[in-house]
Amino acid sequence: MTEFWESSFIEKQTMWGFEPTDSAIVTKDFFLEENVKDILVPGFGYGRNAKVFIDNGINVTGIEISKTAIDLARQNGLDMSIFHGSVTDMPFDNQRYDGIFCYALIHLLNDREREKFIKDCYDQLKPNGYMIFTTVSKKAPMFGKGKQLDKDYFEIMEGVKMYFYDSDSIKQDFEKYGLVEFSEIDEPSKNVKNKPPINFIIVKCKKKI
């Protein structure tokens, strides 16, 4: 996984442009309503989603597997704390956060890794904190492509394994971690014209006191 993302960022640099995803914008609005001040962003990348939170007065801490992506974030003026490593090695600090936002990462993990990752995120929330995941849906155009590894789990291209969620698997994975609601969102490819949007699910959980 490290090798894949490191080589991707070396080759393609800021491959998704700098506009935040629609999920990040929706989450920013929700976090502002809930007076969320400090958030953790696992899968930070080069920070295109972090900026929309920072610009609205929310403190961001990142976790990123690719050193090149972190360097790109620094080159673009993002000087917050970013832990270099895989989310499978969480936690990287003892801090508790008001919120966690994780975009398009959890579906890249296998069963065991997903379960640990969700628990690790939940454990790093303050009481009444929220964690929001955007994950790929079975309605996405890549579903069923490539080599099937397990139920709803495919190697869609060399080095990229993806688990595709539906309402049943969302409930199964998140219900014991304070699942509040989930909804579909079609994410446009903002930096590529005429590319169809990808079907995602936004999952919202709240930590019980």
Protein backbone atom coordinates (compact mmCIF):
# COMPACT_ATOMS: atom_id res chain seq x y z
CA MET A 1 0.00 0.00 0.00
CA THR A 2 2.77 2.45 0.94
CA GLU A 3 4.63 1.75 -2.26
CA PHE A 4 1.52 2.24 -4.42
CA TRP A 5 0.63 5.63 -2.92
CA GLU A 6 4.20 6.86 -2.74
CA SER A 7 4.78 6.13 -6.43
CA SER A 8 1.35 7.61 -7.32
CA PHE A 9 2.15 10.91 -5.61
CA ILE A 10 5.67 11.00 -7.05
CA GLU A 11 4.29 10.46 -10.55
CA LYS A 12 1.00 12.39 -10.43
CA GLN A 13 1.74 14.94 -7.68
CA THR A 14 -1.44 16.88 -6.87
CA MET A 15 -3.49 14.42 -8.87
CA TRP A 16 -6.95 15.46 -7.68
CA GLY A 17 -6.43 19.20 -7.88
CA PHE A 18 -7.00 21.50 -4.91
CA GLU A 19 -10.77 21.82 -4.72
CA PRO A 20 -12.19 20.05 -1.67
CA THR A 21 -14.58 17.17 -2.24
CA ASP A 22 -18.30 17.74 -1.77
CA SER A 23 -18.18 15.43 1.28
CA ALA A 24 -15.55 17.65 2.91
CA ILE A 25 -17.70 20.74 2.31
CA VAL A 26 -20.82 19.05 3.75
CA THR A 27 -18.80 17.82 6.76
CA LYS A 28 -17.26 21.26 7.32
CA ASP A 29 -20.76 22.78 7.52
CA PHE A 30 -21.86 20.08 9.97
CA PHE A 31 -18.74 20.46 12.13
CA LEU A 32 -19.26 24.23 12.31
CA GLU A 33 -22.88 23.70 13.42
CA GLU A 34 -21.66 21.31 16.12
CA ASN A 35 -18.86 23.66 17.25
CA VAL A 36 -16.15 21.15 16.40
CA LYS A 37 -12.72 22.73 16.96
CA ASP A 38 -10.11 19.97 16.57
CA ILE A 39 -10.25 17.21 13.98
CA LEU A 40 -8.15 14.29 12.83
CA VAL A 41 -7.93 13.56 9.10
CA PRO A 42 -6.63 10.03 8.40
CA GLY A 43 -5.58 9.74 4.77
CA PHE A 44 -4.57 13.39 4.64
CA GLY A 45 -2.98 13.20 1.18
CA TYR A 46 -1.60 16.61 0.20
CA GLY A 47 -4.35 18.37 2.12
CA ARG A 48 -6.96 19.31 -0.46
CA ASN A 49 -9.77 18.41 1.97
CA ALA A 50 -8.02 19.77 5.07
CA LYS A 51 -7.89 23.33 3.76
CA VAL A 52 -11.67 23.83 3.83
CA PHE A 53 -11.66 23.04 7.57
CA ILE A 54 -8.60 25.19 8.32
CA ASP A 55 -10.08 28.12 6.40
CA ASN A 56 -13.10 27.92 8.71
CA GLY A 57 -11.12 27.98 11.95
CA ILE A 58 -10.97 24.24 12.65
CA ASN A 59 -7.62 22.80 13.79
CA VAL A 60 -6.52 19.81 11.71
CA THR A 61 -4.11 16.97 12.47
CA GLY A 62 -3.33 14.57 9.62
CA ILE A 63 -2.17 11.00 9.10
CA GLU A 64 -0.62 10.19 5.72
CA ILE A 65 1.15 7.10 4.38
CA SER A 66 3.05 8.93 1.60
CA LYS A 67 6.04 11.12 2.47
CA THR A 68 5.74 12.76 -0.97
CA ALA A 69 2.12 13.74 -0.27
CA ILE A 70 3.18 15.33 3.05
CA ASP A 71 5.94 17.24 1.23
CA LEU A 72 3.37 18.48 -1.31
CA ALA A 73 1.14 19.65 1.55
CA ARG A 74 4.06 21.56 3.08
CA GLN A 75 4.91 23.13 -0.31
CA ASN A 76 1.33 24.36 -0.46
CA GLY A 77 1.54 26.09 2.91
CA LEU A 78 -0.04 23.50 5.21
CA ASP A 79 2.09 23.48 8.34
CA MET A 80 -0.08 21.59 10.83
CA SER A 81 0.91 18.32 12.49
CA ILE A 82 0.88 15.41 10.00
CA PHE A 83 1.88 11.95 11.20
CA HIS A 84 3.74 9.95 8.56
CA GLY A 85 2.47 6.38 8.60
CA SER A 86 -0.37 3.99 7.83
CA VAL A 87 -3.75 4.26 9.54
CA THR A 88 -3.35 0.56 10.34
CA ASP A 89 -0.73 1.69 12.90
CA MET A 90 -3.02 4.12 14.74
CA PRO A 91 -2.98 5.69 17.23
CA PHE A 92 -0.07 8.08 16.60
CA ASP A 93 -0.88 10.30 19.59
CA ASN A 94 -2.95 10.23 22.78
CA GLN A 95 -5.09 13.20 21.81
CA ARG A 96 -8.88 13.03 21.75
CA TYR A 97 -10.57 14.94 18.94
CA ASP A 98 -13.95 16.66 18.56
CA GLY A 99 -14.24 15.20 15.07
CA ILE A 100 -12.67 12.84 12.56
CA PHE A 101 -13.09 13.11 8.79
CA CYS A 102 -11.88 10.30 6.57
CA TYR A 103 -12.42 10.49 2.82
CA ALA A 104 -12.10 7.52 0.44
CA LEU A 105 -9.75 5.49 2.60
CA ILE A 106 -11.62 2.88 4.61
CA HIS A 107 -12.63 0.87 1.52
CA LEU A 108 -8.93 0.33 0.73
CA LEU A 109 -8.55 -1.79 3.87
CA ASN A 110 -9.36 -5.47 4.38
CA ASP A 111 -11.91 -6.78 6.93
CA ARG A 112 -9.55 -6.91 9.88
CA GLU A 113 -7.96 -3.54 9.07
CA ARG A 114 -11.35 -1.84 8.66
CA GLU A 115 -12.56 -3.11 12.01
CA LYS A 116 -9.39 -1.93 13.80
CA PHE A 117 -9.44 1.41 11.98
CA ILE A 118 -13.06 2.20 12.94
CA LYS A 119 -12.34 1.29 16.57
CA ASP A 120 -9.11 3.32 16.61
CA CYS A 121 -10.96 6.37 15.28
CA TYR A 122 -13.77 5.93 17.81
CA ASP A 123 -11.23 5.63 20.64
CA GLN A 124 -9.69 8.96 19.63
CA LEU A 125 -12.98 10.85 19.82
CA LYS A 126 -13.96 12.98 22.77
CA PRO A 127 -17.35 12.16 24.33
CA ASN A 128 -20.07 13.46 21.97
CA GLY A 129 -17.49 13.72 19.17
CA TYR A 130 -18.37 12.80 15.59
CA MET A 131 -16.53 10.69 13.05
CA ILE A 132 -17.50 10.89 9.40
CA PHE A 133 -16.31 8.47 6.74
CA THR A 134 -16.88 8.75 2.99
CA THR A 135 -16.63 5.32 1.44
CA VAL A 136 -17.22 3.85 -1.99
CA SER A 137 -20.61 2.28 -2.70
CA LYS A 138 -21.62 -0.85 -4.58
CA LYS A 139 -23.28 1.55 -7.04
CA ALA A 140 -19.86 2.90 -8.08
CA PRO A 141 -18.75 2.14 -11.66
CA MET A 142 -15.72 0.15 -10.44
CA PHE A 143 -17.82 -2.38 -8.53
CA GLY A 144 -17.29 -5.91 -9.82
CA LYS A 145 -14.27 -4.95 -11.91
CA GLY A 146 -10.96 -6.77 -11.73
CA LYS A 147 -10.27 -9.81 -9.59
CA GLN A 148 -12.74 -10.76 -6.86
CA LEU A 149 -10.96 -11.44 -3.56
CA ASP A 150 -13.96 -11.86 -1.26
CA LYS A 151 -17.59 -10.76 -0.98
CA ASP A 152 -17.81 -7.17 -2.32
CA TYR A 153 -13.98 -6.99 -2.28
CA PHE A 154 -12.07 -6.62 -5.56
CA GLU A 155 -8.57 -5.87 -6.79
CA ILE A 156 -9.75 -3.33 -9.33
CA MET A 157 -6.22 -2.71 -10.65
CA GLU A 158 -2.78 -3.84 -9.63
CA GLY A 159 -2.08 -2.63 -6.10
CA VAL A 160 -5.60 -1.29 -5.47
CA LYS A 161 -7.99 -3.49 -3.50
CA MET A 162 -11.42 -2.07 -2.75
CA TYR A 163 -14.28 -3.09 -0.51
CA PHE A 164 -17.67 -1.82 -1.71
CA TYR A 165 -20.25 -0.92 0.92
CA ASP A 166 -24.04 -1.12 0.93
CA SER A 167 -26.57 -0.35 3.68
CA ASP A 168 -26.22 -3.79 5.28
CA SER A 169 -22.43 -3.70 5.51
CA ILE A 170 -22.50 -0.10 6.78
CA LYS A 171 -24.75 -1.18 9.65
CA GLN A 172 -22.65 -4.25 10.29
CA ASP A 173 -19.35 -2.31 10.51
CA PHE A 174 -20.50 0.90 12.20
CA GLU A 175 -23.55 0.18 14.36
CA LYS A 176 -21.53 -0.62 17.49
CA TYR A 177 -19.57 2.60 17.03
CA GLY A 178 -22.42 5.06 17.41
CA LEU A 179 -23.84 5.03 13.88
CA VAL A 180 -26.19 8.01 13.55
CA GLU A 181 -27.02 7.99 9.84
CA PHE A 182 -25.64 7.35 6.38
CA SER A 183 -26.53 8.79 3.00
CA GLU A 184 -25.46 8.54 -0.62
CA ILE A 185 -23.40 11.22 -2.29
CA ASP A 186 -22.13 11.33 -5.87
CA GLU A 187 -18.66 12.85 -5.89
CA PRO A 188 -17.76 14.66 -9.12
CA SER A 189 -14.21 14.47 -10.47
CA LYS A 190 -13.62 18.21 -10.16
CA ASN A 191 -10.30 18.32 -11.98
CA VAL A 192 -11.23 15.99 -14.88
CA LYS A 193 -13.88 17.10 -17.36
CA ASN A 194 -16.48 14.61 -18.61
CA LYS A 195 -15.52 11.94 -16.06
CA PRO A 196 -18.64 10.44 -14.42
CA PRO A 197 -19.10 11.00 -10.69
CA ILE A 198 -18.33 8.18 -8.26
CA ASN A 199 -21.05 6.90 -5.95
CA PHE A 200 -20.04 7.18 -2.31
CA ILE A 201 -21.74 6.78 1.06
CA ILE A 202 -21.23 9.27 3.88
CA VAL A 203 -21.32 7.54 7.28
CA LYS A 204 -21.83 9.60 10.44
CA CYS A 205 -21.13 8.21 13.93
CA LYS A 206 -21.32 9.89 17.35
CA LYS A 207 -19.40 8.80 20.44
CA LYS A 208 -21.67 8.12 23.36
CA ILE A 209 -20.72 9.67 26.68
